[in-house]
């Protein structure tokens, strides 16, 4: 696992997954607040789309 470089899925402020690889070891972290925000956005987008389909 030491061959995988560090990376972030997302941006520095709004990240979902962060993989840190250092000489001391590695760590994987999830940003649950960003994941929760994404779930809420997808949920309300689905409701909005279903409402718009009924109107059209």
PDB file of N, CA and C in Angstrom:
ATOM      1  N   UNK A   1       0.811  -1.192   0.000  1.00  0.00           N
ATOM      2  CA  UNK A   1       0.000   0.000   0.000  1.00  0.00           C
ATOM      3  C   UNK A   1       0.858   1.262   0.000  1.00  0.00           C
ATOM      4  N   UNK A   2       2.110   1.162   0.296  1.00  0.00           N
ATOM      5  CA  UNK A   2       2.940   2.353   0.392  1.00  0.00           C
ATOM      6  C   UNK A   2       3.202   2.989  -0.966  1.00  0.00           C
ATOM      7  N   UNK A   3       2.902   2.311  -2.070  1.00  0.00           N
ATOM      8  CA  UNK A   3       3.131   2.860  -3.391  1.00  0.00           C
ATOM      9  C   UNK A   3       2.040   3.805  -3.864  1.00  0.00           C
ATOM     10  N   UNK A   4       0.911   3.886  -3.157  1.00  0.00           N
ATOM     11  CA  UNK A   4      -0.189   4.753  -3.562  1.00  0.00           C
ATOM     12  C   UNK A   4       0.048   6.150  -2.991  1.00  0.00           C
ATOM     13  N   UNK A   5       0.091   7.180  -3.842  1.00  0.00           N
ATOM     14  CA  UNK A   5       0.324   8.533  -3.326  1.00  0.00           C
ATOM     15  C   UNK A   5      -0.922   9.091  -2.627  1.00  0.00           C
ATOM     16  N   UNK A   6      -0.730  10.125  -1.845  1.00  0.00           N
ATOM     17  CA  UNK A   6      -1.835  10.780  -1.157  1.00  0.00           C
ATOM     18  C   UNK A   6      -2.748  11.452  -2.174  1.00  0.00           C
ATOM     19  N   UNK A   7      -4.065  11.446  -1.885  1.00  0.00           N
ATOM     20  CA  UNK A   7      -5.013  12.113  -2.775  1.00  0.00           C
ATOM     21  C   UNK A   7      -6.275  12.488  -2.010  1.00  0.00           C
ATOM     22  N   UNK A   8      -7.059  13.381  -2.632  1.00  0.00           N
ATOM     23  CA  UNK A   8      -8.332  13.838  -2.074  1.00  0.00           C
ATOM     24  C   UNK A   8      -9.398  13.674  -3.148  1.00  0.00           C
ATOM     25  N   UNK A   9     -10.567  13.135  -2.780  1.00  0.00           N
ATOM     26  CA  UNK A   9     -11.712  13.092  -3.673  1.00  0.00           C
ATOM     27  C   UNK A   9     -12.577  14.289  -3.279  1.00  0.00           C
ATOM     28  N   UNK A  10     -12.554  15.313  -4.103  1.00  0.00           N
ATOM     29  CA  UNK A  10     -13.249  16.563  -3.819  1.00  0.00           C
ATOM     30  C   UNK A  10     -12.263  17.716  -3.880  1.00  0.00           C
ATOM     31  N   UNK A  11     -12.578  18.788  -3.180  1.00  0.00           N
ATOM     32  CA  UNK A  11     -11.676  19.935  -3.109  1.00  0.00           C
ATOM     33  C   UNK A  11     -11.124  20.033  -1.692  1.00  0.00           C
ATOM     34  N   UNK A  12     -10.258  21.012  -1.464  1.00  0.00           N
ATOM     35  CA  UNK A  12      -9.691  21.148  -0.120  1.00  0.00           C
ATOM     36  C   UNK A  12     -10.755  21.461   0.928  1.00  0.00           C
ATOM     37  N   UNK A  13     -11.789  22.229   0.541  1.00  0.00           N
ATOM     38  CA  UNK A  13     -12.828  22.602   1.503  1.00  0.00           C
ATOM     39  C   UNK A  13     -14.009  21.639   1.515  1.00  0.00           C
ATOM     40  N   UNK A  14     -14.325  21.028   0.373  1.00  0.00           N
ATOM     41  CA  UNK A  14     -15.478  20.126   0.265  1.00  0.00           C
ATOM     42  C   UNK A  14     -14.990  18.777  -0.246  1.00  0.00           C
ATOM     43  N   UNK A  15     -14.413  17.980   0.636  1.00  0.00           N
ATOM     44  CA  UNK A  15     -13.876  16.684   0.239  1.00  0.00           C
ATOM     45  C   UNK A  15     -14.729  15.568   0.820  1.00  0.00           C
ATOM     46  N   UNK A  16     -14.757  14.466   0.078  1.00  0.00           N
ATOM     47  CA  UNK A  16     -15.511  13.295   0.506  1.00  0.00           C
ATOM     48  C   UNK A  16     -14.599  12.229   1.094  1.00  0.00           C
ATOM     49  N   UNK A  17     -13.430  12.056   0.476  1.00  0.00           N
ATOM     50  CA  UNK A  17     -12.492  11.016   0.889  1.00  0.00           C
ATOM     51  C   UNK A  17     -11.083  11.587   0.830  1.00  0.00           C
ATOM     52  N   UNK A  18     -10.301  11.284   1.847  1.00  0.00           N
ATOM     53  CA  UNK A  18      -8.910  11.737   1.874  1.00  0.00           C
ATOM     54  C   UNK A  18      -8.015  10.551   2.223  1.00  0.00           C
ATOM     55  N   UNK A  19      -7.073  10.281   1.348  1.00  0.00           N
ATOM     56  CA  UNK A  19      -6.087   9.218   1.553  1.00  0.00           C
ATOM     57  C   UNK A  19      -4.747   9.899   1.793  1.00  0.00           C
ATOM     58  N   UNK A  20      -4.149   9.666   2.961  1.00  0.00           N
ATOM     59  CA  UNK A  20      -2.845  10.228   3.300  1.00  0.00           C
ATOM     60  C   UNK A  20      -1.833   9.104   3.418  1.00  0.00           C
ATOM     61  N   UNK A  21      -0.758   9.226   2.669  1.00  0.00           N
ATOM     62  CA  UNK A  21       0.311   8.244   2.707  1.00  0.00           C
ATOM     63  C   UNK A  21       1.580   8.958   3.142  1.00  0.00           C
ATOM     64  N   UNK A  22       2.089   8.612   4.306  1.00  0.00           N
ATOM     65  CA  UNK A  22       3.304   9.207   4.846  1.00  0.00           C
ATOM     66  C   UNK A  22       4.300   8.095   5.148  1.00  0.00           C
ATOM     67  N   UNK A  23       5.536   8.450   5.408  1.00  0.00           N
ATOM     68  CA  UNK A  23       6.519   7.413   5.772  1.00  0.00           C
ATOM     69  C   UNK A  23       6.128   6.653   7.047  1.00  0.00           C
ATOM     70  N   UNK A  24       5.323   7.276   7.931  1.00  0.00           N
ATOM     71  CA  UNK A  24       4.906   6.613   9.165  1.00  0.00           C
ATOM     72  C   UNK A  24       3.758   5.629   8.931  1.00  0.00           C
ATOM     73  N   UNK A  25       3.058   5.747   7.802  1.00  0.00           N
ATOM     74  CA  UNK A  25       1.930   4.860   7.521  1.00  0.00           C
ATOM     75  C   UNK A  25       0.909   5.568   6.639  1.00  0.00           C
ATOM     76  N   UNK A  26      -0.289   5.020   6.591  1.00  0.00           N
ATOM     77  CA  UNK A  26      -1.335   5.609   5.757  1.00  0.00           C
ATOM     78  C   UNK A  26      -2.623   5.742   6.567  1.00  0.00           C
ATOM     79  N   UNK A  27      -3.511   6.612   6.085  1.00  0.00           N
ATOM     80  CA  UNK A  27      -4.818   6.760   6.721  1.00  0.00           C
ATOM     81  C   UNK A  27      -5.862   7.082   5.658  1.00  0.00           C
ATOM     82  N   UNK A  28      -7.077   6.652   5.914  1.00  0.00           N
ATOM     83  CA  UNK A  28      -8.221   6.935   5.045  1.00  0.00           C
ATOM     84  C   UNK A  28      -9.258   7.623   5.912  1.00  0.00           C
ATOM     85  N   UNK A  29      -9.734   8.796   5.448  1.00  0.00           N
ATOM     86  CA  UNK A  29     -10.745   9.531   6.203  1.00  0.00           C
ATOM     87  C   UNK A  29     -11.901   9.896   5.288  1.00  0.00           C
ATOM     88  N   UNK A  30     -13.099   9.852   5.848  1.00  0.00           N
ATOM     89  CA  UNK A  30     -14.311  10.258   5.150  1.00  0.00           C
ATOM     90  C   UNK A  30     -14.845  11.520   5.819  1.00  0.00           C
ATOM     91  N   UNK A  31     -15.333  12.462   5.024  1.00  0.00           N
ATOM     92  CA  UNK A  31     -15.941  13.675   5.548  1.00  0.00           C
ATOM     93  C   UNK A  31     -17.451  13.466   5.533  1.00  0.00           C
ATOM     94  N   UNK A  32     -18.005  13.071   6.669  1.00  0.00           N
ATOM     95  CA  UNK A  32     -19.415  12.705   6.726  1.00  0.00           C
ATOM     96  C   UNK A  32     -20.336  13.898   6.529  1.00  0.00           C
ATOM     97  N   UNK A  33     -19.903  15.098   6.896  1.00  0.00           N
ATOM     98  CA  UNK A  33     -20.763  16.266   6.667  1.00  0.00           C
ATOM     99  C   UNK A  33     -20.904  16.537   5.168  1.00  0.00           C
ATOM    100  N   UNK A  34     -19.855  16.383   4.397  1.00  0.00           N
ATOM    101  CA  UNK A  34     -19.946  16.563   2.945  1.00  0.00           C
ATOM    102  C   UNK A  34     -20.815  15.480   2.316  1.00  0.00           C
ATOM    103  N   UNK A  35     -20.690  14.257   2.800  1.00  0.00           N
ATOM    104  CA  UNK A  35     -21.513  13.157   2.286  1.00  0.00           C
ATOM    105  C   UNK A  35     -22.980  13.417   2.610  1.00  0.00           C
ATOM    106  N   UNK A  36     -23.269  13.903   3.815  1.00  0.00           N
ATOM    107  CA  UNK A  36     -24.642  14.205   4.199  1.00  0.00           C
ATOM    108  C   UNK A  36     -25.221  15.327   3.334  1.00  0.00           C
ATOM    109  N   UNK A  37     -24.453  16.362   3.071  1.00  0.00           N
ATOM    110  CA  UNK A  37     -24.896  17.464   2.208  1.00  0.00           C
ATOM    111  C   UNK A  37     -25.209  16.942   0.812  1.00  0.00           C
ATOM    112  N   UNK A  38     -24.354  16.082   0.280  1.00  0.00           N
ATOM    113  CA  UNK A  38     -24.604  15.500  -1.044  1.00  0.00           C
ATOM    114  C   UNK A  38     -25.882  14.671  -1.075  1.00  0.00           C
ATOM    115  N   UNK A  39     -26.118  13.888  -0.035  1.00  0.00           N
ATOM    116  CA  UNK A  39     -27.334  13.078   0.032  1.00  0.00           C
ATOM    117  C   UNK A  39     -28.571  13.967   0.064  1.00  0.00           C
ATOM    118  N   UNK A  40     -28.527  15.043   0.837  1.00  0.00           N
ATOM    119  CA  UNK A  40     -29.656  15.970   0.917  1.00  0.00           C
ATOM    120  C   UNK A  40     -29.914  16.634  -0.429  1.00  0.00           C
ATOM    121  N   UNK A  41     -28.853  17.049  -1.121  1.00  0.00           N
ATOM    122  CA  UNK A  41     -29.005  17.685  -2.432  1.00  0.00           C
ATOM    123  C   UNK A  41     -29.627  16.710  -3.431  1.00  0.00           C
ATOM    124  N   UNK A  42     -29.144  15.476  -3.451  1.00  0.00           N
ATOM    125  CA  UNK A  42     -29.689  14.476  -4.372  1.00  0.00           C
ATOM    126  C   UNK A  42     -31.150  14.181  -4.037  1.00  0.00           C
ATOM    127  N   UNK A  43     -31.493  14.085  -2.777  1.00  0.00           N
ATOM    128  CA  UNK A  43     -32.855  13.807  -2.354  1.00  0.00           C
ATOM    129  C   UNK A  43     -33.811  14.907  -2.823  1.00  0.00           C
ATOM    130  N   UNK A  44     -33.456  16.167  -2.541  1.00  0.00           N
ATOM    131  CA  UNK A  44     -34.331  17.264  -2.931  1.00  0.00           C
ATOM    132  C   UNK A  44     -34.356  17.475  -4.443  1.00  0.00           C
ATOM    133  N   UNK A  45     -33.276  17.164  -5.118  1.00  0.00           N
ATOM    134  CA  UNK A  45     -33.275  17.232  -6.585  1.00  0.00           C
ATOM    135  C   UNK A  45     -34.236  16.205  -7.165  1.00  0.00           C
ATOM    136  N   UNK A  46     -34.283  15.021  -6.590  1.00  0.00           N
ATOM    137  CA  UNK A  46     -35.212  13.990  -7.035  1.00  0.00           C
ATOM    138  C   UNK A  46     -36.651  14.408  -6.831  1.00  0.00           C
ATOM    139  N   UNK A  47     -36.934  15.013  -5.696  1.00  0.00           N
ATOM    140  CA  UNK A  47     -38.294  15.510  -5.438  1.00  0.00           C
ATOM    141  C   UNK A  47     -38.657  16.602  -6.438  1.00  0.00           C
ATOM    142  N   UNK A  48     -37.745  17.532  -6.675  1.00  0.00           N
ATOM    143  CA  UNK A  48     -38.000  18.627  -7.614  1.00  0.00           C
ATOM    144  C   UNK A  48     -38.232  18.102  -9.025  1.00  0.00           C
ATOM    145  N   UNK A  49     -37.442  17.153  -9.457  1.00  0.00           N
ATOM    146  CA  UNK A  49     -37.587  16.589 -10.806  1.00  0.00           C
ATOM    147  C   UNK A  49     -38.913  15.861 -10.944  1.00  0.00           C
ATOM    148  N   UNK A  50     -39.305  15.119  -9.913  1.00  0.00           N
ATOM    149  CA  UNK A  50     -40.588  14.405  -9.996  1.00  0.00           C
ATOM    150  C   UNK A  50     -41.760  15.382 -10.028  1.00  0.00           C
ATOM    151  N   UNK A  51     -41.665  16.480  -9.303  1.00  0.00           N
ATOM    152  CA  UNK A  51     -42.718  17.504  -9.333  1.00  0.00           C
ATOM    153  C   UNK A  51     -42.787  18.173 -10.689  1.00  0.00           C
ATOM    154  N   UNK A  52     -41.627  18.459 -11.286  1.00  0.00           N
ATOM    155  CA  UNK A  52     -41.598  19.111 -12.590  1.00  0.00           C
ATOM    156  C   UNK A  52     -42.138  18.182 -13.678  1.00  0.00           C
ATOM    157  N   UNK A  53     -41.897  16.888 -13.570  1.00  0.00           N
ATOM    158  CA  UNK A  53     -42.420  15.938 -14.554  1.00  0.00           C
ATOM    159  C   UNK A  53     -43.945  15.888 -14.513  1.00  0.00           C
ATOM    160  N   UNK A  54     -44.532  16.044 -13.347  1.00  0.00           N
ATOM    161  CA  UNK A  54     -45.986  16.038 -13.233  1.00  0.00           C
ATOM    162  C   UNK A  54     -46.600  17.292 -13.849  1.00  0.00           C
ATOM    163  N   UNK A  55     -45.878  18.410 -13.744  1.00  0.00           N
ATOM    164  CA  UNK A  55     -46.378  19.674 -14.284  1.00  0.00           C
ATOM    165  C   UNK A  55     -46.313  19.673 -15.808  1.00  0.00           C
ATOM    166  N   UNK A  56     -45.241  19.140 -16.341  1.00  0.00           N
ATOM    167  CA  UNK A  56     -45.019  19.170 -17.807  1.00  0.00           C
ATOM    168  C   UNK A  56     -45.770  18.115 -18.502  1.00  0.00           C
TER     169      UNK A  56
END
